[in-house]
Amino acid sequence: MPHAPAGTGPRRRTLLAAAALAPLAAAGCSEQDGPRTRANGPQAPPKDALIMVIRHAEHPYAGATGEDAEGNEDPGFLAGRGWRRAAELPRLFPPGRRGSLPRPAAIFAAGGKAHAAPAHSRQTVEALAKALGTPVRSEFAIGAETALAHSVLAAPAPVLVCWERAGIPRLVRALGAHQVRGVPAAWPDRHDLVWTFTRTRGVWSFRELPQHLLPGDA
């Protein structure tokens, strides 16, 4: 009986069949992976946003006291100049004037359940909120800037945030806008500025604007 040539036995036929099927198996894996790749492709950029940030109005300095609504001295209230700024704040957002700041659809101010910090931020925006018919959201305390940023980005735009000086850089970082060109590392020792952060197609831009509400504003 003739013998089969070397290398053509059952073992070799099995290896050849496996080699022939390998490309088909690879193609099948590609077809399965392909739809998942397409389904998990580039995500849409986050929604556009316009956020305006101000520092609370002038508070009592060392050796001075603030004034309540009746004019009584109280360190937990704004100074006289601060109350005047708060009263003039609605002028920053005139209706329908080209080139002016847009009227806020949502207003946030430093607060928190404990209200341990002075209420300077809430006092600053009370007159504006009343003029716009927009409630002040003050559920976030100083130090809760990350949670604040999430709510600010979820709120209807434009958004105005009135905050304490030390917490504003943390808020900017939580928004993801801290590396934008021109953003200062800290809020300057001033009460007469507006920082605006605009996010368009996922990209932030920054502007610093003067308030020009009171004599002596830069």
N, C-alpha and C. Protein backbone atom coordinates (compact mmCIF):
# COMPACT_ATOMS: atom_id res chain seq x y z
N MET A 1 0.88 -1.20 0.00
CA MET A 1 0.00 0.00 0.00
C MET A 1 0.90 1.22 0.00
N PRO A 2 0.62 2.23 -0.93
CA PRO A 2 1.46 3.43 -0.95
C PRO A 2 1.21 4.28 0.29
N HIS A 3 2.26 4.94 0.73
CA HIS A 3 2.15 5.81 1.91
C HIS A 3 1.88 7.25 1.48
N ALA A 4 1.11 7.97 2.32
CA ALA A 4 0.85 9.40 2.04
C ALA A 4 2.12 10.18 2.16
N PRO A 5 2.33 11.18 1.31
CA PRO A 5 3.54 11.99 1.40
C PRO A 5 3.65 12.61 2.79
N ALA A 6 4.90 12.82 3.20
CA ALA A 6 5.12 13.42 4.53
C ALA A 6 4.45 14.78 4.61
N GLY A 7 3.81 15.05 5.72
CA GLY A 7 3.19 16.37 5.95
C GLY A 7 1.82 16.51 5.40
N THR A 8 1.17 15.43 4.88
CA THR A 8 -0.18 15.55 4.33
C THR A 8 -1.16 14.70 5.10
N GLY A 9 -0.84 14.34 6.35
CA GLY A 9 -1.73 13.54 7.15
C GLY A 9 -2.85 14.34 7.75
N PRO A 10 -3.66 13.68 8.60
CA PRO A 10 -4.81 14.36 9.23
C PRO A 10 -4.42 15.61 9.99
N ARG A 11 -3.28 15.61 10.69
CA ARG A 11 -2.87 16.78 11.48
C ARG A 11 -2.67 17.99 10.59
N ARG A 12 -2.00 17.77 9.42
CA ARG A 12 -1.76 18.90 8.54
C ARG A 12 -3.05 19.43 7.95
N ARG A 13 -3.97 18.50 7.57
CA ARG A 13 -5.26 18.97 7.02
C ARG A 13 -6.02 19.81 8.04
N THR A 14 -5.94 19.46 9.32
CA THR A 14 -6.62 20.25 10.37
C THR A 14 -6.01 21.64 10.48
N LEU A 15 -4.68 21.72 10.43
CA LEU A 15 -4.02 23.03 10.52
C LEU A 15 -4.36 23.91 9.33
N LEU A 16 -4.42 23.30 8.14
CA LEU A 16 -4.76 24.08 6.95
C LEU A 16 -6.19 24.62 7.02
N ALA A 17 -7.10 23.80 7.52
CA ALA A 17 -8.50 24.25 7.65
C ALA A 17 -8.60 25.40 8.63
N ALA A 18 -7.88 25.29 9.75
CA ALA A 18 -7.91 26.37 10.76
C ALA A 18 -7.35 27.65 10.17
N ALA A 19 -6.27 27.55 9.39
CA ALA A 19 -5.68 28.74 8.78
C ALA A 19 -6.64 29.38 7.80
N ALA A 20 -7.39 28.52 7.07
CA ALA A 20 -8.35 29.06 6.09
C ALA A 20 -9.50 29.80 6.77
N LEU A 21 -9.91 29.33 7.95
CA LEU A 21 -11.03 29.96 8.65
C LEU A 21 -10.62 31.20 9.42
N ALA A 22 -9.33 31.38 9.69
CA ALA A 22 -8.88 32.51 10.52
C ALA A 22 -9.30 33.86 9.96
N PRO A 23 -9.12 34.12 8.64
CA PRO A 23 -9.57 35.43 8.13
C PRO A 23 -11.06 35.66 8.31
N LEU A 24 -11.88 34.59 8.16
CA LEU A 24 -13.31 34.76 8.34
C LEU A 24 -13.64 35.11 9.78
N ALA A 25 -12.95 34.43 10.71
CA ALA A 25 -13.18 34.76 12.11
C ALA A 25 -12.80 36.19 12.41
N ALA A 26 -11.66 36.62 11.85
CA ALA A 26 -11.22 38.01 12.08
C ALA A 26 -12.23 38.98 11.50
N ALA A 27 -12.76 38.66 10.32
CA ALA A 27 -13.76 39.55 9.71
C ALA A 27 -15.01 39.63 10.56
N GLY A 28 -15.41 38.47 11.15
CA GLY A 28 -16.58 38.48 12.01
C GLY A 28 -16.39 39.35 13.22
N CYS A 29 -15.18 39.31 13.81
CA CYS A 29 -14.90 40.17 14.97
C CYS A 29 -14.97 41.63 14.58
N SER A 30 -14.46 41.96 13.38
CA SER A 30 -14.47 43.35 12.95
C SER A 30 -15.90 43.84 12.80
N GLU A 31 -16.77 42.99 12.24
CA GLU A 31 -18.15 43.41 12.05
C GLU A 31 -18.85 43.62 13.39
N GLN A 32 -18.48 42.81 14.40
CA GLN A 32 -19.12 42.99 15.70
C GLN A 32 -18.60 44.24 16.40
N ASP A 33 -17.25 44.46 16.26
CA ASP A 33 -16.67 45.61 16.94
C ASP A 33 -17.03 46.91 16.25
N GLY A 34 -17.25 46.85 14.94
CA GLY A 34 -17.50 48.07 14.19
C GLY A 34 -18.69 48.86 14.69
N PRO A 35 -19.88 48.26 14.81
CA PRO A 35 -21.04 49.00 15.28
C PRO A 35 -20.85 49.58 16.67
N ARG A 36 -20.12 48.84 17.56
CA ARG A 36 -19.89 49.38 18.89
C ARG A 36 -19.02 50.62 18.81
N THR A 37 -18.03 50.58 17.93
CA THR A 37 -17.15 51.74 17.78
C THR A 37 -17.94 52.93 17.27
N ARG A 38 -18.80 52.67 16.28
CA ARG A 38 -19.59 53.78 15.75
C ARG A 38 -20.58 54.30 16.78
N ALA A 39 -21.17 53.38 17.54
CA ALA A 39 -22.15 53.81 18.55
C ALA A 39 -21.49 54.61 19.64
N ASN A 40 -20.22 54.28 19.94
CA ASN A 40 -19.51 55.00 21.00
C ASN A 40 -18.53 55.99 20.40
N GLY A 41 -18.86 56.54 19.28
CA GLY A 41 -17.98 57.48 18.61
C GLY A 41 -17.92 58.81 19.34
N PRO A 42 -17.36 59.84 18.70
CA PRO A 42 -17.21 61.15 19.33
C PRO A 42 -18.54 61.67 19.87
N GLN A 43 -18.53 62.05 21.12
CA GLN A 43 -19.74 62.56 21.74
C GLN A 43 -19.96 64.02 21.36
N ALA A 44 -21.21 64.45 21.42
CA ALA A 44 -21.53 65.84 21.12
C ALA A 44 -20.91 66.75 22.19
N PRO A 45 -20.45 67.94 21.81
CA PRO A 45 -19.86 68.84 22.80
C PRO A 45 -20.91 69.27 23.82
N PRO A 46 -20.47 69.68 25.02
CA PRO A 46 -21.44 70.13 26.02
C PRO A 46 -22.21 71.35 25.52
N LYS A 47 -23.35 71.58 26.12
CA LYS A 47 -24.21 72.67 25.66
C LYS A 47 -23.53 74.02 25.86
N ASP A 48 -23.90 74.97 25.03
CA ASP A 48 -23.36 76.31 25.16
C ASP A 48 -23.78 76.92 26.50
N ALA A 49 -22.98 77.86 26.99
CA ALA A 49 -23.26 78.46 28.29
C ALA A 49 -22.75 79.89 28.30
N LEU A 50 -23.40 80.72 29.10
CA LEU A 50 -22.95 82.09 29.36
C LEU A 50 -23.10 82.33 30.85
N ILE A 51 -21.98 82.51 31.53
CA ILE A 51 -21.96 82.66 32.98
C ILE A 51 -21.27 83.97 33.33
N MET A 52 -21.96 84.80 34.09
CA MET A 52 -21.41 86.07 34.56
C MET A 52 -21.15 85.95 36.06
N VAL A 53 -19.96 86.36 36.48
CA VAL A 53 -19.55 86.23 37.88
C VAL A 53 -19.23 87.62 38.41
N ILE A 54 -19.79 87.95 39.56
CA ILE A 54 -19.45 89.19 40.25
C ILE A 54 -19.08 88.87 41.70
N ARG A 55 -18.29 89.73 42.26
CA ARG A 55 -18.03 89.66 43.70
C ARG A 55 -19.15 90.40 44.41
N HIS A 56 -19.44 89.99 45.64
CA HIS A 56 -20.47 90.72 46.40
C HIS A 56 -20.07 92.18 46.55
N ALA A 57 -21.03 93.03 46.80
CA ALA A 57 -20.77 94.47 46.95
C ALA A 57 -19.98 94.74 48.22
N GLU A 58 -19.59 96.00 48.37
CA GLU A 58 -18.70 96.39 49.47
C GLU A 58 -19.26 95.99 50.83
N HIS A 59 -18.43 95.34 51.61
CA HIS A 59 -18.80 94.93 52.96
C HIS A 59 -18.03 95.80 53.95
N PRO A 60 -18.38 95.75 55.22
CA PRO A 60 -17.66 96.57 56.20
C PRO A 60 -16.19 96.15 56.31
N TYR A 61 -15.32 97.13 56.29
CA TYR A 61 -13.91 96.85 56.48
C TYR A 61 -13.58 96.84 57.96
N ALA A 62 -12.34 96.48 58.26
CA ALA A 62 -11.93 96.38 59.66
C ALA A 62 -12.20 97.70 60.38
N GLY A 63 -12.86 97.61 61.53
CA GLY A 63 -13.18 98.79 62.32
C GLY A 63 -14.47 99.46 61.93
N ALA A 64 -15.17 98.91 60.92
CA ALA A 64 -16.44 99.50 60.48
C ALA A 64 -17.54 98.46 60.63
N THR A 65 -18.77 98.91 60.51
CA THR A 65 -19.91 98.00 60.59
C THR A 65 -20.83 98.25 59.39
N GLY A 66 -21.59 97.24 59.07
CA GLY A 66 -22.56 97.38 58.01
C GLY A 66 -23.86 97.98 58.50
N GLU A 67 -24.83 98.07 57.61
CA GLU A 67 -26.12 98.67 57.94
C GLU A 67 -27.24 97.75 57.47
N ASP A 68 -28.22 97.53 58.33
CA ASP A 68 -29.38 96.77 57.90
C ASP A 68 -30.34 97.68 57.16
N ALA A 69 -31.50 97.16 56.78
CA ALA A 69 -32.44 97.93 55.97
C ALA A 69 -32.94 99.18 56.67
N GLU A 70 -32.90 99.19 58.01
CA GLU A 70 -33.36 100.35 58.76
C GLU A 70 -32.23 101.31 59.11
N GLY A 71 -31.02 101.00 58.61
CA GLY A 71 -29.89 101.88 58.91
C GLY A 71 -29.18 101.57 60.20
N ASN A 72 -29.56 100.49 60.87
CA ASN A 72 -28.88 100.10 62.11
C ASN A 72 -27.56 99.41 61.79
N GLU A 73 -26.56 99.66 62.63
CA GLU A 73 -25.25 99.06 62.40
C GLU A 73 -25.30 97.56 62.68
N ASP A 74 -24.75 96.80 61.75
CA ASP A 74 -24.72 95.35 61.89
C ASP A 74 -23.62 94.82 60.98
N PRO A 75 -22.62 94.11 61.53
CA PRO A 75 -21.50 93.62 60.71
C PRO A 75 -21.90 92.56 59.70
N GLY A 76 -23.08 91.99 59.82
CA GLY A 76 -23.52 90.98 58.88
C GLY A 76 -24.14 91.55 57.61
N PHE A 77 -24.17 92.87 57.50
CA PHE A 77 -24.79 93.52 56.34
C PHE A 77 -23.75 94.29 55.54
N LEU A 78 -24.12 94.66 54.34
CA LEU A 78 -23.24 95.43 53.49
C LEU A 78 -22.97 96.81 54.08
N ALA A 79 -21.86 97.40 53.65
CA ALA A 79 -21.60 98.79 53.99
C ALA A 79 -22.52 99.69 53.17
N GLY A 80 -22.54 100.96 53.52
CA GLY A 80 -23.42 101.89 52.81
C GLY A 80 -23.16 101.89 51.31
N ARG A 81 -21.88 101.91 50.91
CA ARG A 81 -21.55 101.89 49.49
C ARG A 81 -21.99 100.58 48.85
N GLY A 82 -21.90 99.50 49.60
CA GLY A 82 -22.34 98.21 49.08
C GLY A 82 -23.84 98.20 48.78
N TRP A 83 -24.63 98.79 49.69
CA TRP A 83 -26.08 98.86 49.44
C TRP A 83 -26.38 99.71 48.20
N ARG A 84 -25.61 100.80 48.03
CA ARG A 84 -25.83 101.64 46.84
C ARG A 84 -25.49 100.86 45.57
N ARG A 85 -24.43 100.06 45.62
CA ARG A 85 -24.09 99.25 44.45
C ARG A 85 -25.20 98.23 44.16
N ALA A 86 -25.68 97.59 45.22
CA ALA A 86 -26.75 96.59 45.04
C ALA A 86 -27.99 97.22 44.41
N ALA A 87 -28.31 98.46 44.84
CA ALA A 87 -29.49 99.15 44.30
C ALA A 87 -29.30 99.50 42.82
N GLU A 88 -28.05 99.74 42.42
CA GLU A 88 -27.78 100.12 41.03
C GLU A 88 -27.53 98.93 40.12
N LEU A 89 -27.39 97.75 40.69
CA LEU A 89 -27.03 96.58 39.90
C LEU A 89 -27.98 96.30 38.73
N PRO A 90 -29.29 96.53 38.85
CA PRO A 90 -30.16 96.29 37.69
C PRO A 90 -29.77 97.10 36.45
N ARG A 91 -29.06 98.21 36.63
CA ARG A 91 -28.65 99.00 35.47
C ARG A 91 -27.62 98.29 34.60
N LEU A 92 -26.98 97.27 35.16
CA LEU A 92 -26.03 96.49 34.36
C LEU A 92 -26.71 95.67 33.28
N PHE A 93 -28.00 95.43 33.45
CA PHE A 93 -28.71 94.50 32.57
C PHE A 93 -29.95 95.17 31.98
N PRO A 94 -29.78 96.26 31.24
CA PRO A 94 -30.95 96.94 30.67
C PRO A 94 -31.59 96.07 29.60
N PRO A 95 -32.91 96.11 29.49
CA PRO A 95 -33.58 95.26 28.49
C PRO A 95 -33.36 95.77 27.08
N GLY A 96 -32.95 94.89 26.20
CA GLY A 96 -32.93 95.19 24.77
C GLY A 96 -31.88 96.15 24.30
N ARG A 97 -30.88 96.48 25.12
CA ARG A 97 -29.86 97.42 24.67
C ARG A 97 -28.68 96.66 24.09
N ARG A 98 -28.34 96.93 22.84
CA ARG A 98 -27.25 96.22 22.18
C ARG A 98 -25.93 96.53 22.87
N GLY A 99 -25.12 95.50 23.05
CA GLY A 99 -23.82 95.68 23.66
C GLY A 99 -23.82 95.60 25.17
N SER A 100 -25.01 95.55 25.77
CA SER A 100 -25.07 95.45 27.22
C SER A 100 -25.01 93.99 27.64
N LEU A 101 -24.85 93.77 28.93
CA LEU A 101 -24.86 92.41 29.44
C LEU A 101 -26.27 91.84 29.34
N PRO A 102 -26.39 90.56 29.02
CA PRO A 102 -27.73 89.96 28.91
C PRO A 102 -28.37 89.80 30.28
N ARG A 103 -29.68 89.90 30.33
CA ARG A 103 -30.38 89.77 31.60
C ARG A 103 -30.34 88.32 32.07
N PRO A 104 -29.95 88.09 33.32
CA PRO A 104 -29.82 86.71 33.82
C PRO A 104 -31.16 85.98 33.84
N ALA A 105 -31.11 84.72 33.43
CA ALA A 105 -32.26 83.84 33.56
C ALA A 105 -32.22 83.07 34.87
N ALA A 106 -31.05 83.01 35.50
CA ALA A 106 -30.88 82.34 36.80
C ALA A 106 -29.84 83.12 37.59
N ILE A 107 -30.06 83.22 38.90
CA ILE A 107 -29.16 83.97 39.78
C ILE A 107 -28.77 83.07 40.95
N PHE A 108 -27.46 82.97 41.19
CA PHE A 108 -26.93 82.20 42.31
C PHE A 108 -26.16 83.15 43.23
N ALA A 109 -26.26 82.90 44.53
CA ALA A 109 -25.51 83.67 45.52
C ALA A 109 -25.04 82.73 46.61
N ALA A 110 -23.91 83.06 47.22
CA ALA A 110 -23.37 82.22 48.29
C ALA A 110 -24.34 82.17 49.45
N GLY A 111 -24.53 80.96 49.99
CA GLY A 111 -25.45 80.80 51.10
C GLY A 111 -25.21 79.50 51.82
N GLY A 112 -26.06 78.53 51.58
CA GLY A 112 -25.98 77.25 52.27
C GLY A 112 -27.00 77.17 53.38
N LYS A 113 -27.27 75.95 53.83
CA LYS A 113 -28.29 75.75 54.85
C LYS A 113 -27.95 76.43 56.16
N ALA A 114 -26.66 76.36 56.51
CA ALA A 114 -26.27 76.90 57.81
C ALA A 114 -26.23 78.42 57.80
N HIS A 115 -26.02 79.01 56.59
CA HIS A 115 -25.88 80.47 56.47
C HIS A 115 -24.84 80.98 57.46
N ALA A 116 -23.75 80.22 57.60
CA ALA A 116 -22.72 80.61 58.56
C ALA A 116 -21.98 81.86 58.10
N ALA A 117 -21.76 81.97 56.77
CA ALA A 117 -21.05 83.14 56.26
C ALA A 117 -21.99 84.34 56.20
N PRO A 118 -21.44 85.56 56.24
CA PRO A 118 -22.29 86.75 56.07
C PRO A 118 -23.07 86.68 54.77
N ALA A 119 -24.22 87.31 54.77
CA ALA A 119 -25.14 87.21 53.62
C ALA A 119 -24.85 88.28 52.57
N HIS A 120 -23.60 88.71 52.46
CA HIS A 120 -23.29 89.81 51.55
C HIS A 120 -23.64 89.48 50.10
N SER A 121 -23.43 88.24 49.68
CA SER A 121 -23.73 87.89 48.29
C SER A 121 -25.22 87.95 48.01
N ARG A 122 -26.02 87.42 48.91
CA ARG A 122 -27.47 87.46 48.71
C ARG A 122 -27.98 88.89 48.76
N GLN A 123 -27.45 89.68 49.69
CA GLN A 123 -27.88 91.08 49.78
C GLN A 123 -27.55 91.85 48.50
N THR A 124 -26.42 91.49 47.87
CA THR A 124 -25.99 92.20 46.65
C THR A 124 -26.98 92.02 45.52
N VAL A 125 -27.58 90.86 45.38
CA VAL A 125 -28.42 90.57 44.21
C VAL A 125 -29.92 90.63 44.50
N GLU A 126 -30.30 90.98 45.71
CA GLU A 126 -31.73 91.00 46.04
C GLU A 126 -32.51 91.99 45.19
N ALA A 127 -32.00 93.20 45.03
CA ALA A 127 -32.71 94.21 44.24
C ALA A 127 -32.80 93.78 42.78
N LEU A 128 -31.73 93.21 42.25
CA LEU A 128 -31.74 92.73 40.87
C LEU A 128 -32.75 91.60 40.70
N ALA A 129 -32.75 90.65 41.61
CA ALA A 129 -33.68 89.53 41.52
C ALA A 129 -35.13 90.01 41.55
N LYS A 130 -35.39 90.99 42.39
CA LYS A 130 -36.76 91.54 42.46
C LYS A 130 -37.13 92.23 41.16
N ALA A 131 -36.19 92.99 40.59
CA ALA A 131 -36.47 93.70 39.34
C ALA A 131 -36.72 92.73 38.19
N LEU A 132 -36.02 91.59 38.19
CA LEU A 132 -36.16 90.63 37.11
C LEU A 132 -37.25 89.60 37.37
N GLY A 133 -37.74 89.54 38.61
CA GLY A 133 -38.70 88.51 38.96
C GLY A 133 -38.08 87.12 38.95
N THR A 134 -36.79 87.05 39.30
CA THR A 134 -36.06 85.78 39.28
C THR A 134 -35.62 85.45 40.70
N PRO A 135 -35.94 84.28 41.24
CA PRO A 135 -35.52 83.95 42.60
C PRO A 135 -34.01 83.76 42.69
N VAL A 136 -33.48 84.02 43.87
CA VAL A 136 -32.06 83.83 44.12
C VAL A 136 -31.85 82.41 44.66
N ARG A 137 -30.99 81.66 44.01
CA ARG A 137 -30.64 80.33 44.48
C ARG A 137 -29.41 80.44 45.40
N SER A 138 -29.58 80.13 46.67
CA SER A 138 -28.49 80.28 47.63
C SER A 138 -28.30 79.01 48.45
N GLU A 139 -28.47 77.85 47.80
CA GLU A 139 -28.34 76.60 48.53
C GLU A 139 -26.90 76.15 48.69
N PHE A 140 -25.95 76.82 48.01
CA PHE A 140 -24.56 76.40 48.06
C PHE A 140 -23.74 77.34 48.94
N ALA A 141 -22.93 76.75 49.80
CA ALA A 141 -22.09 77.53 50.70
C ALA A 141 -20.71 77.72 50.09
N ILE A 142 -19.95 78.66 50.62
CA ILE A 142 -18.56 78.82 50.22
C ILE A 142 -17.83 77.50 50.48
N GLY A 143 -17.08 77.04 49.50
CA GLY A 143 -16.41 75.76 49.59
C GLY A 143 -17.09 74.68 48.77
N ALA A 144 -18.34 74.92 48.36
CA ALA A 144 -19.09 73.94 47.57
C ALA A 144 -19.12 74.35 46.10
N GLU A 145 -17.99 74.87 45.62
CA GLU A 145 -17.96 75.40 44.26
C GLU A 145 -18.14 74.32 43.19
N THR A 146 -17.71 73.09 43.46
CA THR A 146 -17.88 72.03 42.47
C THR A 146 -19.37 71.73 42.26
N ALA A 147 -20.11 71.60 43.35
CA ALA A 147 -21.55 71.37 43.23
C ALA A 147 -22.23 72.59 42.61
N LEU A 148 -21.78 73.77 42.97
CA LEU A 148 -22.34 74.99 42.38
C LEU A 148 -22.14 74.99 40.87
N ALA A 149 -20.95 74.62 40.41
CA ALA A 149 -20.66 74.63 38.97
C ALA A 149 -21.59 73.69 38.22
N HIS A 150 -21.87 72.52 38.78
CA HIS A 150 -22.79 71.58 38.11
C HIS A 150 -24.18 72.21 37.95
N SER A 151 -24.66 72.87 39.00
CA SER A 151 -25.99 73.48 38.92
C SER A 151 -26.01 74.68 38.00
N VAL A 152 -24.93 75.45 38.01
CA VAL A 152 -24.84 76.61 37.13
C VAL A 152 -24.89 76.18 35.67
N LEU A 153 -24.16 75.13 35.32
CA LEU A 153 -24.12 74.67 33.93
C LEU A 153 -25.44 74.03 33.51
N ALA A 154 -26.19 73.53 34.48
CA ALA A 154 -27.48 72.91 34.16
C ALA A 154 -28.61 73.94 34.11
N ALA A 155 -28.39 75.13 34.66
CA ALA A 155 -29.43 76.15 34.73
C ALA A 155 -29.62 76.81 33.36
N PRO A 156 -30.78 77.43 33.14
CA PRO A 156 -30.97 78.17 31.88
C PRO A 156 -30.04 79.36 31.81
N ALA A 157 -29.45 79.56 30.65
CA ALA A 157 -28.54 80.69 30.45
C ALA A 157 -29.32 81.93 29.99
N PRO A 158 -28.75 83.10 30.28
CA PRO A 158 -27.50 83.40 30.97
C PRO A 158 -27.64 83.22 32.49
N VAL A 159 -26.52 82.99 33.15
CA VAL A 159 -26.50 82.79 34.59
C VAL A 159 -25.62 83.85 35.23
N LEU A 160 -26.09 84.40 36.35
CA LEU A 160 -25.28 85.32 37.14
C LEU A 160 -24.95 84.65 38.48
N VAL A 161 -23.67 84.68 38.85
CA VAL A 161 -23.23 84.14 40.13
C VAL A 161 -22.59 85.27 40.92
N CYS A 162 -23.09 85.51 42.12
CA CYS A 162 -22.51 86.48 43.04
C CYS A 162 -21.85 85.69 44.16
N TRP A 163 -20.53 85.85 44.32
CA TRP A 163 -19.79 84.95 45.19
C TRP A 163 -18.75 85.71 46.01
N GLU A 164 -18.16 84.98 46.96
CA GLU A 164 -17.07 85.53 47.77
C GLU A 164 -15.77 85.50 46.98
N ARG A 165 -14.93 86.47 47.24
CA ARG A 165 -13.69 86.62 46.48
C ARG A 165 -12.83 85.36 46.49
N ALA A 166 -12.63 84.74 47.64
CA ALA A 166 -11.73 83.59 47.74
C ALA A 166 -12.27 82.37 47.01
N GLY A 167 -13.57 82.26 46.86
CA GLY A 167 -14.14 81.09 46.22
C GLY A 167 -14.29 81.19 44.72
N ILE A 168 -14.13 82.39 44.15
CA ILE A 168 -14.34 82.54 42.71
C ILE A 168 -13.33 81.74 41.89
N PRO A 169 -12.03 81.74 42.22
CA PRO A 169 -11.12 80.89 41.43
C PRO A 169 -11.49 79.41 41.49
N ARG A 170 -11.99 78.94 42.62
CA ARG A 170 -12.40 77.53 42.70
C ARG A 170 -13.60 77.27 41.79
N LEU A 171 -14.51 78.22 41.71
CA LEU A 171 -15.66 78.09 40.81
C LEU A 171 -15.20 78.04 39.36
N VAL A 172 -14.28 78.92 38.99
CA VAL A 172 -13.78 78.95 37.62
C VAL A 172 -13.13 77.62 37.26
N ARG A 173 -12.36 77.07 38.19
CA ARG A 173 -11.72 75.78 37.95
C ARG A 173 -12.78 74.67 37.81
N ALA A 174 -13.79 74.71 38.66
CA ALA A 174 -14.84 73.69 38.60
C ALA A 174 -15.62 73.77 37.29
N LEU A 175 -15.73 74.96 36.71
CA LEU A 175 -16.39 75.11 35.41
C LEU A 175 -15.52 74.57 34.28
N GLY A 176 -14.23 74.43 34.53
CA GLY A 176 -13.31 74.00 33.48
C GLY A 176 -12.79 75.13 32.64
N ALA A 177 -12.88 76.38 33.16
CA ALA A 177 -12.49 77.56 32.38
C ALA A 177 -11.24 78.22 32.92
N HIS A 178 -10.52 77.57 33.83
CA HIS A 178 -9.40 78.21 34.50
C HIS A 178 -8.18 78.38 33.61
N GLN A 179 -8.07 77.61 32.52
CA GLN A 179 -6.91 77.70 31.64
C GLN A 179 -7.15 78.58 30.42
N VAL A 180 -8.29 79.25 30.40
CA VAL A 180 -8.58 80.15 29.28
C VAL A 180 -7.65 81.36 29.35
N ARG A 181 -7.18 81.78 28.21
CA ARG A 181 -6.27 82.93 28.16
C ARG A 181 -6.91 84.16 28.79
N GLY A 182 -6.16 84.83 29.66
CA GLY A 182 -6.61 86.08 30.25
C GLY A 182 -7.31 85.94 31.59
N VAL A 183 -7.65 84.73 32.01
CA VAL A 183 -8.33 84.56 33.28
C VAL A 183 -7.34 84.77 34.43
N PRO A 184 -7.57 85.75 35.31
CA PRO A 184 -6.64 85.95 36.42
C PRO A 184 -6.65 84.77 37.38
N ALA A 185 -5.55 84.58 38.08
CA ALA A 185 -5.46 83.49 39.05
C ALA A 185 -6.30 83.77 40.28
N ALA A 186 -6.57 85.03 40.55
CA ALA A 186 -7.37 85.41 41.72
C ALA A 186 -8.20 86.64 41.37
N TRP A 187 -9.31 86.78 42.10
CA TRP A 187 -10.13 87.98 41.90
C TRP A 187 -9.40 89.17 42.53
N PRO A 188 -9.28 90.27 41.82
CA PRO A 188 -8.59 91.43 42.39
C PRO A 188 -9.37 92.05 43.54
N ASP A 189 -8.73 92.91 44.27
CA ASP A 189 -9.36 93.55 45.43
C ASP A 189 -10.28 94.67 44.96
N ARG A 190 -11.33 94.27 44.25
CA ARG A 190 -12.29 95.22 43.70
C ARG A 190 -13.68 94.62 43.74
N HIS A 191 -14.68 95.51 43.75
CA HIS A 191 -16.08 95.08 43.75
C HIS A 191 -16.81 95.51 42.48
N ASP A 192 -16.11 96.13 41.55
CA ASP A 192 -16.76 96.79 40.41
C ASP A 192 -16.47 96.10 39.08
N LEU A 193 -16.33 94.77 39.10
CA LEU A 193 -16.02 94.04 37.89
C LEU A 193 -17.09 92.98 37.60
N VAL A 194 -17.13 92.56 36.34
CA VAL A 194 -17.92 91.40 35.93
C VAL A 194 -17.01 90.51 35.10
N TRP A 195 -16.93 89.25 35.48
CA TRP A 195 -16.24 88.26 34.66
C TRP A 195 -17.28 87.48 33.88
N THR A 196 -17.10 87.38 32.58
CA THR A 196 -18.03 86.62 31.75
C THR A 196 -17.30 85.44 31.13
N PHE A 197 -17.92 84.28 31.23
CA PHE A 197 -17.39 83.05 30.64
C PHE A 197 -18.41 82.53 29.64
N THR A 198 -18.00 82.41 28.40
CA THR A 198 -18.89 81.94 27.33
C THR A 198 -18.35 80.63 26.77
N ARG A 199 -19.20 79.61 26.77
CA ARG A 199 -18.81 78.32 26.19
C ARG A 199 -19.60 78.11 24.91
N THR A 200 -18.87 78.01 23.80
CA THR A 200 -19.46 77.79 22.48
C THR A 200 -18.84 76.55 21.86
N ARG A 201 -19.68 75.54 21.58
CA ARG A 201 -19.21 74.27 21.02
C ARG A 201 -18.09 73.67 21.86
N GLY A 202 -18.24 73.79 23.15
CA GLY A 202 -17.30 73.16 24.07
C GLY A 202 -16.07 73.97 24.38
N VAL A 203 -15.93 75.16 23.79
CA VAL A 203 -14.73 75.98 23.98
C VAL A 203 -15.10 77.23 24.78
N TRP A 204 -14.33 77.49 25.85
CA TRP A 204 -14.59 78.64 26.72
C TRP A 204 -13.85 79.89 26.21
N SER A 205 -14.46 81.04 26.41
CA SER A 205 -13.80 82.33 26.23
C SER A 205 -14.10 83.20 27.45
N PHE A 206 -13.29 84.25 27.64
CA PHE A 206 -13.36 85.04 28.87
C PHE A 206 -13.28 86.53 28.55
N ARG A 207 -14.05 87.31 29.32
CA ARG A 207 -13.97 88.78 29.25
C ARG A 207 -14.11 89.33 30.67
N GLU A 208 -13.38 90.40 30.92
CA GLU A 208 -13.53 91.14 32.17
C GLU A 208 -14.07 92.52 31.84
N LEU A 209 -15.19 92.88 32.47
CA LEU A 209 -15.86 94.14 32.16
C LEU A 209 -16.04 94.98 33.41
N PRO A 210 -15.97 96.29 33.29
CA PRO A 210 -16.23 97.17 34.43
C PRO A 210 -17.72 97.36 34.64
N GLN A 211 -18.11 97.62 35.88
CA GLN A 211 -19.53 97.87 36.16
C GLN A 211 -19.92 99.33 35.91
N HIS A 212 -19.08 100.27 36.30
CA HIS A 212 -19.40 101.70 36.14
C HIS A 212 -20.74 102.06 36.75
N LEU A 213 -20.98 101.61 37.98
CA LEU A 213 -22.26 101.89 38.62
C LEU A 213 -22.19 103.03 39.62
N LEU A 214 -21.04 103.23 40.25
CA LEU A 214 -20.91 104.24 41.29
C LEU A 214 -19.72 105.15 41.02
N PRO A 215 -19.77 106.39 41.50
CA PRO A 215 -18.58 107.25 41.40
C PRO A 215 -17.39 106.57 42.05
N GLY A 216 -16.26 106.63 41.36
CA GLY A 216 -15.05 105.98 41.87
C GLY A 216 -14.82 104.60 41.28
N ASP A 217 -15.81 104.02 40.60
CA ASP A 217 -15.57 102.75 39.91
C ASP A 217 -14.54 102.96 38.80
N ALA A 218 -13.66 102.01 38.66
CA ALA A 218 -12.58 102.16 37.67
C ALA A 218 -13.17 102.04 36.27
